[in-house]
PDB file of all heavy atoms in Angstrom:
ATOM      1  N   ALA A   1     -15.583  38.113 -14.572  1.00  0.00           N
ATOM      2  CA  ALA A   1     -15.963  36.824 -14.004  1.00  0.00           C
ATOM      3  C   ALA A   1     -16.644  35.954 -15.051  1.00  0.00           C
ATOM      4  O   ALA A   1     -16.395  34.747 -15.123  1.00  0.00           O
ATOM      5  CB  ALA A   1     -16.881  37.026 -12.799  1.00  0.00           C
ATOM      6  N   VAL A   2     -17.474  36.566 -15.884  1.00  0.00           N
ATOM      7  CA  VAL A   2     -18.156  35.806 -16.936  1.00  0.00           C
ATOM      8  C   VAL A   2     -17.147  35.321 -17.970  1.00  0.00           C
ATOM      9  O   VAL A   2     -17.179  34.157 -18.385  1.00  0.00           O
ATOM     10  CB  VAL A   2     -19.268  36.657 -17.596  1.00  0.00           C
ATOM     11  CG1 VAL A   2     -19.807  35.987 -18.844  1.00  0.00           C
ATOM     12  CG2 VAL A   2     -20.391  36.920 -16.610  1.00  0.00           C
ATOM     13  N   VAL A   3     -16.237  36.186 -18.393  1.00  0.00           N
ATOM     14  CA  VAL A   3     -15.226  35.803 -19.384  1.00  0.00           C
ATOM     15  C   VAL A   3     -14.388  34.648 -18.853  1.00  0.00           C
ATOM     16  O   VAL A   3     -14.228  33.616 -19.512  1.00  0.00           O
ATOM     17  CB  VAL A   3     -14.320  37.005 -19.755  1.00  0.00           C
ATOM     18  CG1 VAL A   3     -13.123  36.555 -20.577  1.00  0.00           C
ATOM     19  CG2 VAL A   3     -15.122  38.055 -20.499  1.00  0.00           C
ATOM     20  N   ASP A   4     -13.839  34.809 -17.638  1.00  0.00           N
ATOM     21  CA  ASP A   4     -12.970  33.783 -17.084  1.00  0.00           C
ATOM     22  C   ASP A   4     -13.734  32.507 -16.738  1.00  0.00           C
ATOM     23  O   ASP A   4     -13.216  31.404 -16.890  1.00  0.00           O
ATOM     24  CB  ASP A   4     -12.253  34.303 -15.834  1.00  0.00           C
ATOM     25  CG  ASP A   4     -11.223  35.373 -16.173  1.00  0.00           C
ATOM     26  OD1 ASP A   4     -10.784  35.428 -17.333  1.00  0.00           O
ATOM     27  OD2 ASP A   4     -10.860  36.141 -15.265  1.00  0.00           O
ATOM     28  N   GLY A   5     -14.964  32.664 -16.287  1.00  0.00           N
ATOM     29  CA  GLY A   5     -15.760  31.487 -15.962  1.00  0.00           C
ATOM     30  C   GLY A   5     -16.142  30.682 -17.185  1.00  0.00           C
ATOM     31  O   GLY A   5     -16.175  29.456 -17.152  1.00  0.00           O
ATOM     32  N   SER A   6     -16.405  31.360 -18.275  1.00  0.00           N
ATOM     33  CA  SER A   6     -16.831  30.652 -19.486  1.00  0.00           C
ATOM     34  C   SER A   6     -15.698  29.899 -20.163  1.00  0.00           C
ATOM     35  O   SER A   6     -15.925  28.885 -20.805  1.00  0.00           O
ATOM     36  CB  SER A   6     -17.475  31.619 -20.473  1.00  0.00           C
ATOM     37  OG  SER A   6     -16.524  32.529 -20.964  1.00  0.00           O
ATOM     38  N   ASN A   7     -14.473  30.362 -20.019  1.00  0.00           N
ATOM     39  CA  ASN A   7     -13.359  29.669 -20.673  1.00  0.00           C
ATOM     40  C   ASN A   7     -12.504  28.860 -19.703  1.00  0.00           C
ATOM     41  O   ASN A   7     -11.520  28.248 -20.096  1.00  0.00           O
ATOM     42  CB  ASN A   7     -12.496  30.655 -21.479  1.00  0.00           C
ATOM     43  CG  ASN A   7     -11.772  31.665 -20.621  1.00  0.00           C
ATOM     44  OD1 ASN A   7     -11.598  31.499 -19.416  1.00  0.00           O
ATOM     45  ND2 ASN A   7     -11.337  32.739 -21.246  1.00  0.00           N
ATOM     46  N   GLY A   8     -12.875  28.846 -18.409  1.00  0.00           N
ATOM     47  CA  GLY A   8     -12.177  28.027 -17.419  1.00  0.00           C
ATOM     48  C   GLY A   8     -10.920  28.648 -16.848  1.00  0.00           C
ATOM     49  O   GLY A   8     -10.261  28.054 -16.003  1.00  0.00           O
ATOM     50  N   ALA A   9     -10.554  29.849 -17.279  1.00  0.00           N
ATOM     51  CA  ALA A   9      -9.298  30.465 -16.843  1.00  0.00           C
ATOM     52  C   ALA A   9      -9.261  30.738 -15.346  1.00  0.00           C
ATOM     53  O   ALA A   9      -8.190  30.804 -14.749  1.00  0.00           O
ATOM     54  CB  ALA A   9      -9.042  31.761 -17.604  1.00  0.00           C
ATOM     55  N   SER A  10     -10.416  30.880 -14.722  1.00  0.00           N
ATOM     56  CA  SER A  10     -10.440  31.174 -13.283  1.00  0.00           C
ATOM     57  C   SER A  10     -10.289  29.901 -12.441  1.00  0.00           C
ATOM     58  O   SER A  10     -10.256  29.977 -11.227  1.00  0.00           O
ATOM     59  CB  SER A  10     -11.742  31.890 -12.922  1.00  0.00           C
ATOM     60  OG  SER A  10     -12.861  31.094 -13.270  1.00  0.00           O
ATOM     61  N   ASN A  11     -10.191  28.753 -13.081  1.00  0.00           N
ATOM     62  CA  ASN A  11     -10.059  27.486 -12.361  1.00  0.00           C
ATOM     63  C   ASN A  11      -8.607  27.033 -12.309  1.00  0.00           C
ATOM     64  O   ASN A  11      -7.766  27.497 -13.063  1.00  0.00           O
ATOM     65  CB  ASN A  11     -10.897  26.402 -13.048  1.00  0.00           C
ATOM     66  CG  ASN A  11     -12.380  26.650 -12.942  1.00  0.00           C
ATOM     67  OD1 ASN A  11     -12.810  27.749 -12.612  1.00  0.00           O
ATOM     68  ND2 ASN A  11     -13.165  25.652 -13.230  1.00  0.00           N
ATOM     69  N   HIS A  12      -8.346  26.066 -11.418  1.00  0.00           N
ATOM     70  CA  HIS A  12      -7.065  25.371 -11.399  1.00  0.00           C
ATOM     71  C   HIS A  12      -7.349  23.889 -11.223  1.00  0.00           C
ATOM     72  O   HIS A  12      -8.394  23.502 -10.702  1.00  0.00           O
ATOM     73  CB  HIS A  12      -6.141  25.915 -10.294  1.00  0.00           C
ATOM     74  CG  HIS A  12      -6.629  25.653  -8.906  1.00  0.00           C
ATOM     75  ND1 HIS A  12      -7.565  26.459  -8.287  1.00  0.00           N
ATOM     76  CD2 HIS A  12      -6.347  24.665  -8.027  1.00  0.00           C
ATOM     77  CE1 HIS A  12      -7.821  25.971  -7.077  1.00  0.00           C
ATOM     78  NE2 HIS A  12      -7.102  24.892  -6.900  1.00  0.00           N
ATOM     79  N   LEU A  13      -6.429  23.067 -11.693  1.00  0.00           N
ATOM     80  CA  LEU A  13      -6.618  21.622 -11.645  1.00  0.00           C
ATOM     81  C   LEU A  13      -5.962  21.043 -10.400  1.00  0.00           C
ATOM     82  O   LEU A  13      -4.836  21.407 -10.047  1.00  0.00           O
ATOM     83  CB  LEU A  13      -6.047  20.977 -12.909  1.00  0.00           C
ATOM     84  CG  LEU A  13      -6.706  21.456 -14.206  1.00  0.00           C
ATOM     85  CD1 LEU A  13      -5.950  20.955 -15.425  1.00  0.00           C
ATOM     86  CD2 LEU A  13      -8.162  21.029 -14.256  1.00  0.00           C
ATOM     87  N   PHE A  14      -6.683  20.146  -9.729  1.00  0.00           N
ATOM     88  CA  PHE A  14      -6.210  19.528  -8.489  1.00  0.00           C
ATOM     89  C   PHE A  14      -6.443  18.037  -8.552  1.00  0.00           C
ATOM     90  O   PHE A  14      -7.514  17.615  -8.963  1.00  0.00           O
ATOM     91  CB  PHE A  14      -6.961  20.126  -7.285  1.00  0.00           C
ATOM     92  CG  PHE A  14      -6.554  19.491  -5.985  1.00  0.00           C
ATOM     93  CD1 PHE A  14      -5.404  19.904  -5.344  1.00  0.00           C
ATOM     94  CD2 PHE A  14      -7.295  18.461  -5.441  1.00  0.00           C
ATOM     95  CE1 PHE A  14      -5.008  19.302  -4.151  1.00  0.00           C
ATOM     96  CE2 PHE A  14      -6.909  17.856  -4.260  1.00  0.00           C
ATOM     97  CZ  PHE A  14      -5.765  18.282  -3.619  1.00  0.00           C
ATOM     98  N   PRO A  15      -5.479  17.221  -8.155  1.00  0.00           N
ATOM     99  CA  PRO A  15      -4.156  17.593  -7.653  1.00  0.00           C
ATOM    100  C   PRO A  15      -3.189  17.912  -8.793  1.00  0.00           C
ATOM    101  O   PRO A  15      -3.352  17.448  -9.899  1.00  0.00           O
ATOM    102  CB  PRO A  15      -3.704  16.329  -6.918  1.00  0.00           C
ATOM    103  CG  PRO A  15      -4.375  15.200  -7.630  1.00  0.00           C
ATOM    104  CD  PRO A  15      -5.694  15.765  -8.098  1.00  0.00           C
ATOM    105  N   ASN A  16      -2.211  18.689  -8.474  1.00  0.00           N
ATOM    106  CA  ASN A  16      -1.110  18.981  -9.383  1.00  0.00           C
ATOM    107  C   ASN A  16       0.128  19.264  -8.544  1.00  0.00           C
ATOM    108  O   ASN A  16       0.126  20.260  -7.818  1.00  0.00           O
ATOM    109  CB  ASN A  16      -1.433  20.165 -10.280  1.00  0.00           C
ATOM    110  CG  ASN A  16      -0.390  20.363 -11.355  1.00  0.00           C
ATOM    111  OD1 ASN A  16       0.418  19.492 -11.629  1.00  0.00           O
ATOM    112  ND2 ASN A  16      -0.405  21.533 -11.965  1.00  0.00           N
ATOM    113  N   PRO A  17       1.099  18.382  -8.579  1.00  0.00           N
ATOM    114  CA  PRO A  17       1.244  17.248  -9.470  1.00  0.00           C
ATOM    115  C   PRO A  17       0.332  16.079  -9.074  1.00  0.00           C
ATOM    116  O   PRO A  17      -0.113  15.983  -7.940  1.00  0.00           O
ATOM    117  CB  PRO A  17       2.711  16.852  -9.285  1.00  0.00           C
ATOM    118  CG  PRO A  17       3.019  17.230  -7.875  1.00  0.00           C
ATOM    119  CD  PRO A  17       2.230  18.497  -7.643  1.00  0.00           C
ATOM    120  N   VAL A  18       0.094  15.207 -10.061  1.00  0.00           N
ATOM    121  CA  VAL A  18      -0.564  13.932  -9.788  1.00  0.00           C
ATOM    122  C   VAL A  18       0.588  12.964  -9.545  1.00  0.00           C
ATOM    123  O   VAL A  18       1.258  12.525 -10.472  1.00  0.00           O
ATOM    124  CB  VAL A  18      -1.437  13.473 -10.975  1.00  0.00           C
ATOM    125  CG1 VAL A  18      -2.067  12.121 -10.673  1.00  0.00           C
ATOM    126  CG2 VAL A  18      -2.499  14.514 -11.280  1.00  0.00           C
ATOM    127  N   PHE A  19       0.847  12.705  -8.269  1.00  0.00           N
ATOM    128  CA  PHE A  19       2.002  11.909  -7.854  1.00  0.00           C
ATOM    129  C   PHE A  19       1.460  10.745  -7.029  1.00  0.00           C
ATOM    130  O   PHE A  19       0.905  10.939  -5.955  1.00  0.00           O
ATOM    131  CB  PHE A  19       2.943  12.792  -7.029  1.00  0.00           C
ATOM    132  CG  PHE A  19       4.296  12.218  -6.724  1.00  0.00           C
ATOM    133  CD1 PHE A  19       5.211  12.984  -6.018  1.00  0.00           C
ATOM    134  CD2 PHE A  19       4.685  10.953  -7.114  1.00  0.00           C
ATOM    135  CE1 PHE A  19       6.470  12.503  -5.708  1.00  0.00           C
ATOM    136  CE2 PHE A  19       5.943  10.457  -6.825  1.00  0.00           C
ATOM    137  CZ  PHE A  19       6.837  11.232  -6.120  1.00  0.00           C
ATOM    138  N   VAL A  20       1.607   9.536  -7.558  1.00  0.00           N
ATOM    139  CA  VAL A  20       0.999   8.354  -6.939  1.00  0.00           C
ATOM    140  C   VAL A  20       2.072   7.346  -6.556  1.00  0.00           C
ATOM    141  O   VAL A  20       2.949   7.019  -7.361  1.00  0.00           O
ATOM    142  CB  VAL A  20      -0.009   7.692  -7.904  1.00  0.00           C
ATOM    143  CG1 VAL A  20      -0.592   6.429  -7.309  1.00  0.00           C
ATOM    144  CG2 VAL A  20      -1.117   8.668  -8.254  1.00  0.00           C
ATOM    145  N   ARG A  21       1.976   6.852  -5.304  1.00  0.00           N
ATOM    146  CA  ARG A  21       2.797   5.716  -4.886  1.00  0.00           C
ATOM    147  C   ARG A  21       1.999   4.464  -5.203  1.00  0.00           C
ATOM    148  O   ARG A  21       0.938   4.219  -4.628  1.00  0.00           O
ATOM    149  CB  ARG A  21       3.125   5.745  -3.399  1.00  0.00           C
ATOM    150  CG  ARG A  21       4.017   4.553  -2.994  1.00  0.00           C
ATOM    151  CD  ARG A  21       4.340   4.508  -1.504  1.00  0.00           C
ATOM    152  NE  ARG A  21       4.958   5.750  -1.081  1.00  0.00           N
ATOM    153  CZ  ARG A  21       4.738   6.325   0.102  1.00  0.00           C
ATOM    154  NH1 ARG A  21       3.912   5.785   0.976  1.00  0.00           N
ATOM    155  NH2 ARG A  21       5.344   7.454   0.423  1.00  0.00           N
ATOM    156  N   LEU A  22       2.500   3.693  -6.176  1.00  0.00           N
ATOM    157  CA  LEU A  22       1.820   2.482  -6.607  1.00  0.00           C
ATOM    158  C   LEU A  22       2.041   1.351  -5.615  1.00  0.00           C
ATOM    159  O   LEU A  22       3.007   1.360  -4.856  1.00  0.00           O
ATOM    160  CB  LEU A  22       2.322   2.071  -7.998  1.00  0.00           C
ATOM    161  CG  LEU A  22       2.087   3.105  -9.107  1.00  0.00           C
ATOM    162  CD1 LEU A  22       2.812   2.692 -10.373  1.00  0.00           C
ATOM    163  CD2 LEU A  22       0.608   3.280  -9.365  1.00  0.00           C
ATOM    164  N   VAL A  23       1.137   0.375  -5.655  1.00  0.00           N
ATOM    165  CA  VAL A  23       1.169  -0.749  -4.726  1.00  0.00           C
ATOM    166  C   VAL A  23       1.369  -2.037  -5.530  1.00  0.00           C
ATOM    167  O   VAL A  23       0.671  -2.255  -6.530  1.00  0.00           O
ATOM    168  CB  VAL A  23      -0.159  -0.821  -3.929  1.00  0.00           C
ATOM    169  CG1 VAL A  23      -0.193  -2.027  -3.024  1.00  0.00           C
ATOM    170  CG2 VAL A  23      -0.358   0.458  -3.136  1.00  0.00           C
ATOM    171  N   PRO A  24       2.324  -2.884  -5.116  1.00  0.00           N
ATOM    172  CA  PRO A  24       2.531  -4.145  -5.834  1.00  0.00           C
ATOM    173  C   PRO A  24       1.261  -5.000  -5.860  1.00  0.00           C
ATOM    174  O   PRO A  24       0.466  -4.972  -4.925  1.00  0.00           O
ATOM    175  CB  PRO A  24       3.632  -4.846  -5.024  1.00  0.00           C
ATOM    176  CG  PRO A  24       4.319  -3.747  -4.277  1.00  0.00           C
ATOM    177  CD  PRO A  24       3.253  -2.721  -3.996  1.00  0.00           C
ATOM    178  N   VAL A  25       1.092  -5.752  -6.953  1.00  0.00           N
ATOM    179  CA  VAL A  25      -0.041  -6.660  -7.075  1.00  0.00           C
ATOM    180  C   VAL A  25      -0.019  -7.621  -5.888  1.00  0.00           C
ATOM    181  O   VAL A  25       1.035  -8.140  -5.512  1.00  0.00           O
ATOM    182  CB  VAL A  25       0.022  -7.438  -8.411  1.00  0.00           C
ATOM    183  CG1 VAL A  25      -1.021  -8.551  -8.450  1.00  0.00           C
ATOM    184  CG2 VAL A  25      -0.155  -6.490  -9.586  1.00  0.00           C
ATOM    185  N   GLY A  26      -1.168  -7.807  -5.268  1.00  0.00           N
ATOM    186  CA  GLY A  26      -1.294  -8.720  -4.138  1.00  0.00           C
ATOM    187  C   GLY A  26      -1.065  -8.077  -2.785  1.00  0.00           C
ATOM    188  O   GLY A  26      -1.290  -8.710  -1.753  1.00  0.00           O
ATOM    189  N   SER A  27      -0.609  -6.833  -2.755  1.00  0.00           N
ATOM    190  CA  SER A  27      -0.362  -6.144  -1.493  1.00  0.00           C
ATOM    191  C   SER A  27      -1.693  -5.664  -0.899  1.00  0.00           C
ATOM    192  O   SER A  27      -2.562  -5.206  -1.624  1.00  0.00           O
ATOM    193  CB  SER A  27       0.555  -4.945  -1.713  1.00  0.00           C
ATOM    194  OG  SER A  27       0.653  -4.168  -0.528  1.00  0.00           O
ATOM    195  N   PRO A  28      -1.829  -5.726   0.436  1.00  0.00           N
ATOM    196  CA  PRO A  28      -3.048  -5.214   1.062  1.00  0.00           C
ATOM    197  C   PRO A  28      -3.042  -3.681   1.204  1.00  0.00           C
ATOM    198  O   PRO A  28      -4.051  -3.096   1.572  1.00  0.00           O
ATOM    199  CB  PRO A  28      -3.042  -5.879   2.438  1.00  0.00           C
ATOM    200  CG  PRO A  28      -1.583  -6.082   2.737  1.00  0.00           C
ATOM    201  CD  PRO A  28      -0.944  -6.373   1.405  1.00  0.00           C
ATOM    202  N   GLU A  29      -1.924  -3.032   0.901  1.00  0.00           N
ATOM    203  CA  GLU A  29      -1.830  -1.576   1.020  1.00  0.00           C
ATOM    204  C   GLU A  29      -2.653  -0.895  -0.065  1.00  0.00           C
ATOM    205  O   GLU A  29      -3.052  -1.504  -1.044  1.00  0.00           O
ATOM    206  CB  GLU A  29      -0.369  -1.137   0.913  1.00  0.00           C
ATOM    207  CG  GLU A  29       0.505  -1.643   2.039  1.00  0.00           C
ATOM    208  CD  GLU A  29       1.937  -1.177   1.887  1.00  0.00           C
ATOM    209  OE1 GLU A  29       2.147  -0.068   1.337  1.00  0.00           O
ATOM    210  OE2 GLU A  29       2.829  -1.910   2.310  1.00  0.00           O
ATOM    211  N   GLU A  30      -2.893   0.405   0.128  1.00  0.00           N
ATOM    212  CA  GLU A  30      -3.616   1.211  -0.860  1.00  0.00           C
ATOM    213  C   GLU A  30      -2.662   2.195  -1.529  1.00  0.00           C
ATOM    214  O   GLU A  30      -1.731   2.689  -0.895  1.00  0.00           O
ATOM    215  CB  GLU A  30      -4.727   2.018  -0.183  1.00  0.00           C
ATOM    216  CG  GLU A  30      -5.876   1.193   0.341  1.00  0.00           C
ATOM    217  CD  GLU A  30      -7.004   2.090   0.819  1.00  0.00           C
ATOM    218  OE1 GLU A  30      -7.536   2.866  -0.009  1.00  0.00           O
ATOM    219  OE2 GLU A  30      -7.342   2.018   2.005  1.00  0.00           O
ATOM    220  N   ALA A  31      -2.934   2.488  -2.786  1.00  0.00           N
ATOM    221  CA  ALA A  31      -2.177   3.524  -3.485  1.00  0.00           C
ATOM    222  C   ALA A  31      -2.457   4.859  -2.810  1.00  0.00           C
ATOM    223  O   ALA A  31      -3.574   5.125  -2.367  1.00  0.00           O
ATOM    224  CB  ALA A  31      -2.578   3.571  -4.950  1.00  0.00           C
ATOM    225  N   VAL A  32      -1.429   5.712  -2.729  1.00  0.00           N
ATOM    226  CA  VAL A  32      -1.590   7.017  -2.087  1.00  0.00           C
ATOM    227  C   VAL A  32      -1.151   8.137  -3.023  1.00  0.00           C
ATOM    228  O   VAL A  32      -0.302   7.947  -3.888  1.00  0.00           O
ATOM    229  CB  VAL A  32      -0.806   7.121  -0.754  1.00  0.00           C
ATOM    230  CG1 VAL A  32      -1.373   6.178   0.284  1.00  0.00           C
ATOM    231  CG2 VAL A  32       0.672   6.886  -0.947  1.00  0.00           C
ATOM    232  N   LEU A  33      -1.774   9.307  -2.824  1.00  0.00           N
ATOM    233  CA  LEU A  33      -1.359  10.530  -3.506  1.00  0.00           C
ATOM    234  C   LEU A  33      -0.280  11.202  -2.681  1.00  0.00           C
ATOM    235  O   LEU A  33      -0.392  11.278  -1.450  1.00  0.00           O
ATOM    236  CB  LEU A  33      -2.538  11.492  -3.647  1.00  0.00           C
ATOM    237  CG  LEU A  33      -3.549  11.207  -4.737  1.00  0.00           C
ATOM    238  CD1 LEU A  33      -4.724  12.173  -4.630  1.00  0.00           C
ATOM    239  CD2 LEU A  33      -2.913  11.306  -6.109  1.00  0.00           C
ATOM    240  N   LEU A  34       0.728  11.689  -3.361  1.00  0.00           N
ATOM    241  CA  LEU A  34       1.834  12.372  -2.696  1.00  0.00           C
ATOM    242  C   LEU A  34       1.882  13.817  -3.163  1.00  0.00           C
ATOM    243  O   LEU A  34       1.463  14.138  -4.280  1.00  0.00           O
ATOM    244  CB  LEU A  34       3.154  11.674  -3.046  1.00  0.00           C
ATOM    245  CG  LEU A  34       3.219  10.173  -2.784  1.00  0.00           C
ATOM    246  CD1 LEU A  34       4.496   9.589  -3.379  1.00  0.00           C
ATOM    247  CD2 LEU A  34       3.129   9.880  -1.303  1.00  0.00           C
ATOM    248  N   ASP A  35       2.420  14.698  -2.308  1.00  0.00           N
ATOM    249  CA  ASP A  35       2.633  16.078  -2.746  1.00  0.00           C
ATOM    250  C   ASP A  35       3.954  16.149  -3.513  1.00  0.00           C
ATOM    251  O   ASP A  35       4.633  15.138  -3.693  1.00  0.00           O
ATOM    252  CB  ASP A  35       2.577  17.051  -1.561  1.00  0.00           C
ATOM    253  CG  ASP A  35       3.707  16.890  -0.559  1.00  0.00           C
ATOM    254  OD1 ASP A  35       4.724  16.206  -0.857  1.00  0.00           O
ATOM    255  OD2 ASP A  35       3.588  17.453   0.545  1.00  0.00           O
ATOM    256  N   LYS A  36       4.332  17.335  -3.944  1.00  0.00           N
ATOM    257  CA  LYS A  36       5.545  17.478  -4.758  1.00  0.00           C
ATOM    258  C   LYS A  36       6.816  17.077  -4.010  1.00  0.00           C
ATOM    259  O   LYS A  36       7.835  16.789  -4.623  1.00  0.00           O
ATOM    260  CB  LYS A  36       5.661  18.902  -5.296  1.00  0.00           C
ATOM    261  CG  LYS A  36       5.857  19.960  -4.234  1.00  0.00           C
ATOM    262  CD  LYS A  36       5.917  21.337  -4.840  1.00  0.00           C
ATOM    263  CE  LYS A  36       6.068  22.365  -3.740  1.00  0.00           C
ATOM    264  NZ  LYS A  36       6.032  23.723  -4.275  1.00  0.00           N
ATOM    265  N   ASN A  37       6.738  17.047  -2.677  1.00  0.00           N
ATOM    266  CA  ASN A  37       7.900  16.645  -1.867  1.00  0.00           C
ATOM    267  C   ASN A  37       7.875  15.172  -1.497  1.00  0.00           C
ATOM    268  O   ASN A  37       8.720  14.716  -0.740  1.00  0.00           O
ATOM    269  CB  ASN A  37       7.956  17.495  -0.593  1.00  0.00           C
ATOM    270  CG  ASN A  37       8.121  18.967  -0.923  1.00  0.00           C
ATOM    271  OD1 ASN A  37       8.922  19.341  -1.776  1.00  0.00           O
ATOM    272  ND2 ASN A  37       7.342  19.800  -0.259  1.00  0.00           N
ATOM    273  N   GLY A  38       6.881  14.429  -1.989  1.00  0.00           N
ATOM    274  CA  GLY A  38       6.796  13.004  -1.700  1.00  0.00           C
ATOM    275  C   GLY A  38       6.090  12.671  -0.395  1.00  0.00           C
ATOM    276  O   GLY A  38       6.130  11.524   0.052  1.00  0.00           O
ATOM    277  N   GLN A  39       5.436  13.658   0.221  1.00  0.00           N
ATOM    278  CA  GLN A  39       4.690  13.426   1.463  1.00  0.00           C
ATOM    279  C   GLN A  39       3.264  12.994   1.133  1.00  0.00           C
ATOM    280  O   GLN A  39       2.653  13.508   0.206  1.00  0.00           O
ATOM    281  CB  GLN A  39       4.663  14.695   2.320  1.00  0.00           C
ATOM    282  CG  GLN A  39       6.034  15.202   2.725  1.00  0.00           C
ATOM    283  CD  GLN A  39       6.797  14.191   3.557  1.00  0.00           C
ATOM    284  OE1 GLN A  39       6.272  13.656   4.525  1.00  0.00           O
ATOM    285  NE2 GLN A  39       8.030  13.904   3.149  1.00  0.00           N
TER     286      GLN A  39
END
């Protein structure tokens, strides 16, 4: 636990993938995060 904790190997990065639906300039909508299937 000490070895893995000290070098970060016991962690994972979230979100992965970083999948964002962008919003056109001037739109009142918000950008959203999507999963790997686009949901």
